[in-house]
Amino acid sequence: MHKNIWDNDKLNRKSESEYLIKYLTNVYKANKESSFVLNINSEWGFGKTYFLKNLKLELENADHKVMYFDAWQNDYTKEPLLAFIAEINESFKSFFTAKQTKSKKFLTDLFKSSLPILVAALSKKLTGYSLEDLKEQLELDENEGSENSADEIDDDKDSIKTSISTLMSKATEIALEEHMTAKKSILEFKENMRKLISYIDSLSNIELPIYILIDELDRCRPNYAIELLESIKHLFDIQGLVFIIATDSKQLSHSINAVYGSKFKSEQYLKRFFDREYTLDEPYVYDYILFLLEKYNMLKDDNFYVALDEYAYNDVNKNAKIIELYAKFFKLSLRDIEQCIIVLNAITFTWDTENKIHLGYMIFLIMLKQKNSTIFESYIIYDKKSSLGNKFSEWFKEDELNRKIKIRVDDGNNESTLEALLGEYSNFEFLTFAKSNQLSGKENNFNYLNIRKEVPIYTSFYNDNKIIFKEFKDYYKYVLRGFRIN
């Protein structure tokens, strides 16, 4: 396997790629009678596109031919089958060498046999009429008011019903003819595809199966996604083809419900299209944050000030580590974490001062708003709420030492909730100090982290004469605007 393919693998997907290639290879060897469709399921933002593109390279290194189809980029077309067959035509051309001249005939025959299918699909899209549509267009509301007499109304109704009956009869006849023509065209198309694959199998430089990777399907219009899946099911159920379709299955189910209604059993409906489903491993929080910071060019951002102990965290990226600490504190999902980093990225683009961004405090505010916007609003307007500290205690999770750290907010000793919570992020001084002590063999004797009255800018934790921080109150403005951009 190519040594550079997974050099940037922040989410540990290489092992999953190797596993799936081995699995699909053996599935194909065990059953060569039909195609195989695998759904790669993963939430939005978990690196499905990165995984598919690297999987493509791995398969190509093993002498397989691979077609990659970005459904989202082709979503603008009315007919998904048109874009899909066009991509097949272009991709398959690249599979052959200049000396493999027979391939041209097979490709030409395949493309010609697809034309009647495309014409039938497009004609319906362009006219917009099906049998049911025709009936709806011709039927009139019998309860609609009219100035005509009762006898005239009855005569009109009879005339309309006769017209509808005649038109429906003719439409049915046409529909049956179109159905038989379409059926014949589909059989011809599939036969030409089989001939093409048989020819490919005879070539020494290509290994079957041919892999067709489909990405971003869950981002498409619901009708587009459904019609593409239907086309794959009915037109490409052919031995020698393996489809790998990456989706957020939950999101795709919601899209299907948008078409068929909330009571429609969309998850069961989807199973009709997939032979198997594989769910990508959920990445470790720290690894995922590393991946996101690199994605948004903030992994080594010198514009951040990160107050983490140099000794305790000398083997990690400090930007990622402090974000991980807060993400665990707020118990955010991976999707929430990406939303927060998107907001942070927007803030870095609009930061209008030479002063560094205090990453600990900024990400604290961003995640607080992401977790609970009501509490965030209470915080920034200095609303004095004793329940605020309790809410933070509920969110707090075990720290790096697997020790339960309890937070105590004593409003009686603080002028405002603002000062109390400003102290909250300064407690990472204690967390890092505790870890340093553990690494050096010292014991930790504290059970509580008291939130101190002094705001961090006046504590030794932030007493760095080389760094002048922007007023912390201005951070609220950036956070609020960052969420608006998001």
Protein backbone atom coordinates (compact mmCIF):
# COMPACT_ATOMS: atom_id res chain seq x y z
CA MET A 1 0.00 0.00 0.00
CA HIS A 2 1.15 3.52 -0.77
CA LYS A 3 3.07 4.81 2.25
CA ASN A 4 1.88 8.41 1.90
CA ILE A 5 -1.86 7.85 1.62
CA TRP A 6 -2.57 7.97 5.35
CA ASP A 7 0.21 10.35 6.46
CA ASN A 8 -2.40 12.89 7.51
CA ASP A 9 -4.74 10.37 9.16
CA LYS A 10 -5.84 12.28 12.26
CA LEU A 11 -8.91 10.08 12.84
CA ASN A 12 -7.17 6.69 12.63
CA ARG A 13 -9.10 5.61 9.53
CA LYS A 14 -6.30 3.55 7.96
CA SER A 15 -7.13 0.39 9.92
CA GLU A 16 -10.80 0.72 8.98
CA SER A 17 -9.87 1.05 5.32
CA GLU A 18 -7.76 -2.11 5.49
CA TYR A 19 -10.56 -3.95 7.25
CA LEU A 20 -13.19 -2.97 4.67
CA ILE A 21 -10.99 -3.81 1.68
CA LYS A 22 -10.38 -7.27 3.11
CA TYR A 23 -14.08 -7.70 3.87
CA LEU A 24 -15.28 -6.55 0.44
CA THR A 25 -12.69 -8.66 -1.37
CA ASN A 26 -13.92 -11.79 0.39
CA VAL A 27 -17.58 -10.85 -0.12
CA TYR A 28 -16.96 -10.59 -3.84
CA LYS A 29 -15.14 -13.93 -3.98
CA ALA A 30 -18.00 -15.62 -2.11
CA ASN A 31 -20.78 -14.16 -4.25
CA LYS A 32 -20.24 -13.10 -7.85
CA GLU A 33 -23.88 -13.31 -8.88
CA SER A 34 -24.88 -9.71 -8.24
CA SER A 35 -23.59 -6.32 -7.21
CA PHE A 36 -22.92 -5.44 -3.58
CA VAL A 37 -23.90 -2.15 -1.94
CA LEU A 38 -22.20 -1.05 1.29
CA ASN A 39 -23.37 1.99 3.23
CA ILE A 40 -20.61 3.80 5.10
CA ASN A 41 -22.51 5.49 7.91
CA SER A 42 -21.04 8.37 9.88
CA GLU A 43 -22.20 11.70 11.25
CA TRP A 44 -21.55 14.92 9.43
CA GLY A 45 -18.02 16.18 10.07
CA PHE A 46 -16.48 12.79 10.87
CA GLY A 47 -14.32 12.68 7.73
CA LYS A 48 -16.38 10.52 5.35
CA THR A 49 -15.05 12.31 2.27
CA TYR A 50 -11.45 12.04 3.46
CA PHE A 51 -12.01 8.34 4.14
CA LEU A 52 -13.60 7.65 0.74
CA LYS A 53 -10.91 9.48 -1.22
CA ASN A 54 -8.13 7.61 0.58
CA LEU A 55 -10.01 4.33 0.19
CA LYS A 56 -10.11 5.06 -3.55
CA LEU A 57 -6.32 5.37 -3.62
CA GLU A 58 -5.89 2.13 -1.66
CA LEU A 59 -8.15 0.25 -4.06
CA GLU A 60 -6.38 1.67 -7.10
CA ASN A 61 -3.04 0.55 -5.66
CA ALA A 62 -4.51 -2.96 -5.62
CA ASP A 63 -5.23 -2.70 -9.39
CA HIS A 64 -8.95 -2.10 -8.95
CA LYS A 65 -10.72 0.50 -11.06
CA VAL A 66 -12.63 3.04 -8.99
CA MET A 67 -15.21 5.66 -9.91
CA TYR A 68 -15.85 8.50 -7.45
CA PHE A 69 -19.17 10.32 -7.74
CA ASP A 70 -19.89 13.43 -5.67
CA ALA A 71 -23.69 13.46 -5.52
CA TRP A 72 -23.79 16.92 -3.94
CA GLN A 73 -21.85 18.53 -6.80
CA ASN A 74 -24.37 17.09 -9.27
CA ASP A 75 -27.45 17.96 -7.22
CA TYR A 76 -28.24 20.89 -9.52
CA THR A 77 -29.43 18.53 -12.28
CA LYS A 78 -33.09 17.53 -12.38
CA GLU A 79 -32.29 13.94 -13.31
CA PRO A 80 -29.66 12.20 -11.13
CA LEU A 81 -29.36 9.27 -13.53
CA LEU A 82 -28.15 11.61 -16.29
CA ALA A 83 -25.25 12.90 -14.18
CA PHE A 84 -24.45 9.42 -12.91
CA ILE A 85 -24.29 7.78 -16.35
CA ALA A 86 -22.25 10.71 -17.68
CA GLU A 87 -19.75 10.11 -14.87
CA ILE A 88 -19.67 6.38 -15.66
CA ASN A 89 -18.95 7.17 -19.31
CA GLU A 90 -16.06 9.50 -18.42
CA SER A 91 -14.59 7.38 -15.61
CA PHE A 92 -14.73 4.10 -17.48
CA LYS A 93 -12.91 5.65 -20.45
CA SER A 94 -9.94 6.27 -18.16
CA PHE A 95 -9.81 2.61 -17.13
CA PHE A 96 -8.34 1.48 -20.45
CA THR A 97 -5.01 1.90 -22.19
CA ALA A 98 -4.69 3.18 -25.76
CA LYS A 99 -4.09 -0.37 -26.98
CA GLN A 100 -7.32 -1.69 -25.47
CA THR A 101 -9.36 -0.48 -28.45
CA LYS A 102 -12.26 -2.91 -27.96
CA SER A 103 -13.28 -0.89 -24.93
CA LYS A 104 -14.58 1.90 -27.19
CA LYS A 105 -17.25 -0.34 -28.71
CA PHE A 106 -18.40 -1.64 -25.32
CA LEU A 107 -18.62 1.89 -23.93
CA THR A 108 -20.46 3.15 -27.01
CA ASP A 109 -23.01 0.34 -26.80
CA LEU A 110 -23.50 0.99 -23.10
CA PHE A 111 -24.04 4.70 -23.59
CA LYS A 112 -26.45 4.19 -26.52
CA SER A 113 -28.56 1.75 -24.52
CA SER A 114 -28.82 4.30 -21.71
CA LEU A 115 -30.36 6.97 -23.98
CA PRO A 116 -33.95 5.61 -24.05
CA ILE A 117 -33.89 5.34 -20.26
CA LEU A 118 -32.66 8.90 -19.91
CA VAL A 119 -35.17 10.22 -22.45
CA ALA A 120 -38.06 8.57 -20.59
CA ALA A 121 -36.89 9.98 -17.28
CA LEU A 122 -36.26 13.46 -18.64
CA SER A 123 -39.56 13.68 -20.50
CA LYS A 124 -41.44 13.19 -17.27
CA LYS A 125 -39.23 15.76 -15.55
CA LEU A 126 -39.69 18.32 -18.33
CA THR A 127 -43.46 17.92 -18.68
CA GLY A 128 -43.96 17.34 -15.00
CA TYR A 129 -46.91 15.00 -15.54
CA SER A 130 -47.57 11.48 -14.38
CA LEU A 131 -50.94 9.67 -14.46
CA GLU A 132 -51.74 10.90 -10.98
CA ASP A 133 -50.72 14.45 -11.90
CA LEU A 134 -52.98 14.32 -14.96
CA LYS A 135 -55.92 13.24 -12.88
CA GLU A 136 -55.36 16.03 -10.36
CA GLN A 137 -55.08 18.62 -13.12
CA LEU A 138 -58.34 17.54 -14.79
CA GLU A 139 -60.52 17.04 -11.73
CA LEU A 140 -62.49 20.06 -10.57
CA ASP A 141 -63.69 20.84 -7.12
CA GLU A 142 -67.37 19.84 -7.11
CA ASN A 143 -68.06 22.12 -4.19
CA GLU A 144 -66.81 25.23 -5.96
CA GLY A 145 -69.51 27.88 -6.38
CA SER A 146 -71.12 28.57 -9.80
CA GLU A 147 -73.78 30.87 -11.25
CA ASN A 148 -75.12 28.15 -13.59
CA SER A 149 -78.34 26.25 -12.90
CA ALA A 150 -78.35 22.83 -11.22
CA ASP A 151 -79.07 21.06 -14.55
CA GLU A 152 -76.23 22.90 -16.27
CA ILE A 153 -73.86 22.00 -13.44
CA ASP A 154 -74.83 18.31 -13.71
CA ASP A 155 -74.30 18.40 -17.48
CA ASP A 156 -70.89 19.99 -16.98
CA LYS A 157 -69.92 17.34 -14.44
CA ASP A 158 -70.95 14.53 -16.78
CA SER A 159 -68.99 16.11 -19.61
CA ILE A 160 -65.91 16.52 -17.42
CA LYS A 161 -66.11 12.93 -16.18
CA THR A 162 -66.38 11.65 -19.76
CA SER A 163 -63.34 13.71 -20.77
CA ILE A 164 -61.37 12.47 -17.79
CA SER A 165 -62.30 8.86 -18.55
CA THR A 166 -61.23 9.20 -22.18
CA LEU A 167 -57.96 10.93 -21.31
CA MET A 168 -57.14 8.48 -18.52
CA SER A 169 -57.76 5.55 -20.85
CA LYS A 170 -55.42 7.04 -23.45
CA ALA A 171 -52.86 7.95 -20.80
CA THR A 172 -52.95 4.40 -19.43
CA GLU A 173 -52.35 2.99 -22.91
CA ILE A 174 -49.40 5.32 -23.43
CA ALA A 175 -48.05 4.53 -19.97
CA LEU A 176 -48.14 0.78 -20.65
CA GLU A 177 -46.28 1.28 -23.92
CA GLU A 178 -43.70 3.44 -22.17
CA HIS A 179 -43.34 0.83 -19.42
CA MET A 180 -42.61 -1.96 -21.91
CA THR A 181 -40.16 0.25 -23.79
CA ALA A 182 -38.41 1.23 -20.55
CA LYS A 183 -38.25 -2.40 -19.42
CA LYS A 184 -36.67 -3.42 -22.72
CA SER A 185 -34.20 -0.53 -22.51
CA ILE A 186 -33.19 -1.45 -18.97
CA LEU A 187 -32.56 -5.09 -19.95
CA GLU A 188 -30.46 -3.94 -22.91
CA PHE A 189 -28.50 -1.52 -20.74
CA LYS A 190 -27.75 -4.19 -18.12
CA GLU A 191 -26.69 -6.66 -20.80
CA ASN A 192 -24.26 -4.13 -22.26
CA MET A 193 -22.90 -3.41 -18.79
CA ARG A 194 -22.32 -7.16 -18.26
CA LYS A 195 -20.46 -7.37 -21.58
CA LEU A 196 -18.28 -4.43 -20.59
CA ILE A 197 -17.44 -5.96 -17.20
CA SER A 198 -16.73 -9.32 -18.83
CA TYR A 199 -14.29 -7.59 -21.16
CA ILE A 200 -12.64 -5.85 -18.20
CA ASP A 201 -12.30 -9.20 -16.45
CA SER A 202 -10.32 -10.51 -19.43
CA LEU A 203 -7.70 -7.77 -19.07
CA SER A 204 -4.57 -8.59 -17.10
CA ASN A 205 -4.05 -5.09 -15.70
CA ILE A 206 -7.45 -4.78 -13.98
CA GLU A 207 -8.82 -6.67 -10.99
CA LEU A 208 -12.54 -7.09 -10.43
CA PRO A 209 -14.70 -5.90 -8.81
CA ILE A 210 -15.05 -2.35 -10.05
CA TYR A 211 -15.74 -0.02 -7.13
CA ILE A 212 -18.16 2.88 -7.43
CA LEU A 213 -17.91 5.33 -4.54
CA ILE A 214 -20.77 7.76 -3.95
CA ASP A 215 -20.23 10.65 -1.55
CA GLU A 216 -22.34 13.43 0.00
CA LEU A 217 -25.69 11.77 -0.76
CA ASP A 218 -27.24 12.95 2.51
CA ARG A 219 -26.61 16.59 1.51
CA CYS A 220 -28.68 16.32 -1.67
CA ARG A 221 -32.30 17.19 -2.26
CA PRO A 222 -34.46 14.35 -0.87
CA ASN A 223 -35.93 13.48 -4.29
CA TYR A 224 -32.49 13.47 -5.86
CA ALA A 225 -31.07 11.09 -3.23
CA ILE A 226 -34.02 8.71 -3.47
CA GLU A 227 -34.01 8.60 -7.28
CA LEU A 228 -30.27 7.95 -7.40
CA LEU A 229 -30.62 5.04 -4.96
CA GLU A 230 -33.52 3.65 -6.97
CA SER A 231 -31.46 3.83 -10.17
CA ILE A 232 -28.56 1.98 -8.57
CA LYS A 233 -30.90 -0.71 -7.28
CA HIS A 234 -32.67 -1.35 -10.59
CA LEU A 235 -30.04 -0.59 -13.24
CA PHE A 236 -26.75 -1.62 -11.69
CA ASP A 237 -27.50 -4.87 -9.90
CA ILE A 238 -24.76 -6.51 -11.95
CA GLN A 239 -21.97 -8.85 -10.91
CA GLY A 240 -18.56 -7.26 -10.81
CA LEU A 241 -19.77 -3.96 -9.33
CA VAL A 242 -19.37 -2.94 -5.69
CA PHE A 243 -20.97 0.31 -4.52
CA ILE A 244 -19.73 2.13 -1.44
CA ILE A 245 -22.13 4.90 -0.49
CA ALA A 246 -21.17 7.30 2.31
CA THR A 247 -24.08 8.83 4.19
CA ASP A 248 -25.17 10.22 7.49
CA SER A 249 -27.95 7.63 7.70
CA LYS A 250 -29.88 9.57 10.30
CA GLN A 251 -29.86 12.71 8.16
CA LEU A 252 -30.79 10.72 5.06
CA SER A 253 -33.74 9.22 6.94
CA HIS A 254 -34.93 12.72 7.80
CA SER A 255 -34.69 13.66 4.12
CA ILE A 256 -36.83 10.70 3.13
CA ASN A 257 -39.39 11.64 5.79
CA ALA A 258 -39.54 15.11 4.26
CA VAL A 259 -40.83 13.48 1.06
CA TYR A 260 -43.03 10.70 2.40
CA GLY A 261 -44.13 12.15 5.74
CA SER A 262 -43.02 11.87 9.35
CA LYS A 263 -44.81 8.55 9.89
CA PHE A 264 -43.00 6.88 7.01
CA LYS A 265 -40.56 4.20 8.20
CA SER A 266 -37.55 5.67 6.43
CA GLU A 267 -34.90 3.56 8.16
CA GLN A 268 -36.52 0.34 6.95
CA TYR A 269 -36.96 1.90 3.50
CA LEU A 270 -33.22 2.61 3.28
CA LYS A 271 -32.35 -1.00 4.05
CA ARG A 272 -33.85 -1.91 0.66
CA PHE A 273 -30.90 -0.24 -1.03
CA PHE A 274 -28.00 -1.44 1.11
CA ASP A 275 -26.73 -5.00 1.52
CA ARG A 276 -24.66 -4.05 4.56
CA GLU A 277 -23.94 -0.98 6.67
CA TYR A 278 -20.64 -0.12 8.31
CA THR A 279 -20.44 2.68 10.86
CA LEU A 280 -17.11 4.47 11.10
CA ASP A 281 -15.53 4.50 14.53
CA GLU A 282 -16.24 7.60 16.55
CA PRO A 283 -12.87 9.35 16.85
CA TYR A 284 -11.24 10.20 20.16
CA VAL A 285 -12.04 13.76 21.20
CA TYR A 286 -8.42 14.95 21.15
CA ASP A 287 -7.73 13.34 17.75
CA TYR A 288 -10.91 14.84 16.36
CA ILE A 289 -9.97 18.32 17.57
CA LEU A 290 -6.52 17.94 15.99
CA PHE A 291 -8.25 17.01 12.75
CA LEU A 292 -10.56 20.05 12.92
CA LEU A 293 -7.82 22.53 13.83
CA GLU A 294 -5.77 21.37 10.86
CA LYS A 295 -8.86 21.50 8.64
CA TYR A 296 -9.43 25.14 9.62
CA ASN A 297 -5.70 26.07 9.71
CA MET A 298 -5.59 26.70 13.46
CA LEU A 299 -3.37 23.83 14.61
CA LYS A 300 -0.31 26.03 15.07
CA ASP A 301 -1.96 29.42 15.26
CA ASP A 302 0.46 31.80 16.98
CA ASN A 303 -2.36 34.25 17.59
CA PHE A 304 -3.58 32.12 20.52
CA TYR A 305 -2.38 32.36 24.09
CA VAL A 306 -2.76 29.00 25.82
CA ALA A 307 -2.09 28.92 29.56
CA LEU A 308 -1.18 25.27 29.95
CA ASP A 309 1.73 23.93 31.94
CA GLU A 310 4.72 23.38 29.65
CA TYR A 311 5.96 20.35 31.59
CA ALA A 312 2.61 18.59 31.90
CA TYR A 313 1.62 19.08 28.27
CA ASN A 314 4.91 19.00 26.40
CA ASP A 315 3.86 16.02 24.27
CA VAL A 316 0.58 17.38 22.88
CA ASN A 317 -0.69 20.28 20.81
CA LYS A 318 -1.74 22.85 23.41
CA ASN A 319 -4.40 24.45 21.23
CA ALA A 320 -6.10 21.07 20.82
CA LYS A 321 -5.58 20.10 24.45
CA ILE A 322 -7.25 23.10 26.03
CA ILE A 323 -10.20 22.76 23.64
CA GLU A 324 -10.43 19.09 24.61
CA LEU A 325 -10.49 19.98 28.33
CA TYR A 326 -13.42 22.32 27.86
CA ALA A 327 -15.23 19.95 25.50
CA LYS A 328 -15.11 17.28 28.19
CA PHE A 329 -16.15 19.80 30.82
CA PHE A 330 -19.25 20.75 28.84
CA LYS A 331 -19.82 17.15 27.65
CA LEU A 332 -20.16 18.29 24.06
CA SER A 333 -20.81 15.94 21.18
CA LEU A 334 -18.32 15.80 18.32
CA ARG A 335 -20.73 17.73 16.14
CA ASP A 336 -21.02 20.45 18.81
CA ILE A 337 -17.23 20.61 18.98
CA GLU A 338 -16.97 21.27 15.26
CA GLN A 339 -19.62 23.98 15.48
CA CYS A 340 -17.56 25.65 18.22
CA ILE A 341 -14.37 25.47 16.19
CA ILE A 342 -16.18 26.94 13.18
CA VAL A 343 -17.16 29.90 15.39
CA LEU A 344 -13.59 30.18 16.68
CA ASN A 345 -12.36 30.21 13.09
CA ALA A 346 -14.76 33.05 12.24
CA ILE A 347 -13.43 35.00 15.22
CA THR A 348 -9.81 34.61 14.09
CA PHE A 349 -10.77 36.01 10.67
CA THR A 350 -12.29 39.13 12.24
CA TRP A 351 -9.95 39.71 15.19
CA ASP A 352 -9.14 43.42 14.92
CA THR A 353 -6.27 43.77 17.35
CA GLU A 354 -2.62 42.79 17.57
CA ASN A 355 -3.25 41.29 20.99
CA LYS A 356 -3.41 37.53 21.20
CA ILE A 357 -6.65 35.65 21.69
CA HIS A 358 -6.89 34.03 25.10
CA LEU A 359 -7.89 30.62 23.75
CA GLY A 360 -8.98 29.22 27.12
CA TYR A 361 -11.43 32.00 27.81
CA MET A 362 -12.64 32.35 24.23
CA ILE A 363 -13.41 28.66 23.81
CA PHE A 364 -15.02 28.68 27.27
CA LEU A 365 -17.48 31.35 26.08
CA ILE A 366 -18.10 29.68 22.73
CA MET A 367 -18.82 26.31 24.31
CA LEU A 368 -20.97 27.86 27.01
CA LYS A 369 -23.16 29.42 24.32
CA GLN A 370 -23.23 26.19 22.32
CA LYS A 371 -24.22 24.23 25.43
CA ASN A 372 -26.82 26.60 26.83
CA SER A 373 -27.47 30.00 25.26
CA THR A 374 -29.74 31.03 28.16
CA ILE A 375 -26.96 30.59 30.71
CA PHE A 376 -24.58 32.35 28.35
CA GLU A 377 -26.90 35.35 28.21
CA SER A 378 -27.15 35.35 32.01
CA TYR A 379 -23.38 35.25 32.23
CA ILE A 380 -22.62 38.13 29.89
CA ILE A 381 -25.18 40.49 31.45
CA TYR A 382 -23.77 39.77 34.92
CA ASP A 383 -27.05 38.29 36.11
CA LYS A 384 -26.53 37.01 39.64
CA LYS A 385 -27.91 33.45 39.67
CA SER A 386 -26.87 30.98 42.34
CA SER A 387 -28.07 28.12 40.13
CA LEU A 388 -25.40 28.95 37.58
CA GLY A 389 -22.63 27.40 39.60
CA ASN A 390 -24.73 24.30 40.21
CA LYS A 391 -25.32 23.94 36.49
CA PHE A 392 -21.57 24.01 35.90
CA SER A 393 -21.13 21.35 38.54
CA GLU A 394 -23.58 19.11 36.67
CA TRP A 395 -21.57 19.47 33.48
CA PHE A 396 -18.18 18.87 35.01
CA LYS A 397 -16.63 15.54 34.12
CA GLU A 398 -13.64 13.63 35.49
CA ASP A 399 -10.42 15.44 34.75
CA GLU A 400 -7.17 14.05 33.38
CA LEU A 401 -6.40 12.45 36.76
CA ASN A 402 -9.75 10.61 36.81
CA ARG A 403 -10.53 12.61 39.95
CA LYS A 404 -13.97 14.15 40.46
CA ILE A 405 -13.37 17.87 40.76
CA LYS A 406 -16.23 19.71 42.42
CA ILE A 407 -16.89 23.37 41.85
CA ARG A 408 -18.18 25.61 44.57
CA VAL A 409 -19.61 29.03 43.79
CA ASP A 410 -20.23 31.15 46.85
CA ASP A 411 -22.15 34.18 45.67
CA GLY A 412 -21.70 35.75 49.08
CA ASN A 413 -17.99 36.10 48.46
CA ASN A 414 -18.29 37.34 44.93
CA GLU A 415 -19.63 40.62 43.66
CA SER A 416 -21.19 38.98 40.63
CA THR A 417 -21.55 35.72 38.79
CA LEU A 418 -19.22 37.23 36.19
CA GLU A 419 -16.28 37.28 38.57
CA ALA A 420 -17.12 33.81 39.85
CA LEU A 421 -17.15 32.31 36.40
CA LEU A 422 -14.14 34.26 35.21
CA GLY A 423 -12.34 32.32 37.88
CA GLU A 424 -13.64 29.05 36.47
CA TYR A 425 -11.28 28.92 33.55
CA SER A 426 -8.39 30.02 35.75
CA ASN A 427 -8.82 26.70 37.54
CA PHE A 428 -6.97 25.03 34.72
CA GLU A 429 -3.88 26.34 36.48
CA PHE A 430 -4.73 23.93 39.26
CA LEU A 431 -5.57 21.12 36.88
CA THR A 432 -2.26 21.41 35.07
CA PHE A 433 -0.39 21.84 38.34
CA ALA A 434 -2.07 18.71 39.66
CA LYS A 435 -1.00 16.77 36.61
CA SER A 436 2.54 18.09 36.95
CA ASN A 437 2.62 16.88 40.53
CA GLN A 438 1.36 13.48 39.49
CA LEU A 439 4.07 13.22 36.87
CA SER A 440 6.69 14.15 39.45
CA GLY A 441 5.33 11.70 42.02
CA LYS A 442 3.81 14.28 44.38
CA GLU A 443 0.42 13.72 45.99
CA ASN A 444 -2.66 15.80 45.37
CA ASN A 445 -4.58 16.61 48.53
CA PHE A 446 -7.36 18.85 47.29
CA ASN A 447 -10.95 17.73 46.76
CA TYR A 448 -12.43 21.04 45.75
CA LEU A 449 -11.47 23.74 43.35
CA ASN A 450 -12.69 27.00 44.80
CA ILE A 451 -13.65 29.66 42.30
CA ARG A 452 -11.70 32.74 43.30
CA LYS A 453 -12.93 36.29 43.32
CA GLU A 454 -9.97 37.72 41.39
CA VAL A 455 -10.42 37.84 37.67
CA PRO A 456 -7.66 35.94 35.87
CA ILE A 457 -6.03 38.99 34.35
CA TYR A 458 -4.83 39.89 37.85
CA THR A 459 -3.66 36.41 38.86
CA SER A 460 -0.18 34.97 38.51
CA PHE A 461 -1.67 32.52 36.03
CA TYR A 462 -1.94 35.26 33.44
CA ASN A 463 0.77 37.58 34.69
CA ASP A 464 2.83 37.68 31.52
CA ASN A 465 4.21 41.12 30.74
CA LYS A 466 4.84 40.12 27.15
CA ILE A 467 1.14 39.56 26.49
CA ILE A 468 -1.47 42.28 26.72
CA PHE A 469 -4.97 40.91 26.54
CA LYS A 470 -7.92 42.60 24.98
CA GLU A 471 -10.66 43.50 27.45
CA PHE A 472 -12.45 40.29 28.27
CA LYS A 473 -15.85 41.92 27.90
CA ASP A 474 -15.10 42.46 24.20
CA TYR A 475 -14.88 38.70 23.79
CA TYR A 476 -18.68 38.47 24.11
CA LYS A 477 -19.11 40.58 20.99
CA TYR A 478 -16.86 38.31 18.96
CA VAL A 479 -18.60 35.17 20.20
CA LEU A 480 -22.06 36.51 19.36
CA ARG A 481 -20.96 37.60 15.90
CA GLY A 482 -19.18 34.31 15.35
CA PHE A 483 -22.41 32.42 15.97
CA ARG A 484 -24.23 34.68 13.53
CA ILE A 485 -21.73 33.77 10.82
CA ASN A 486 -22.18 30.12 11.67
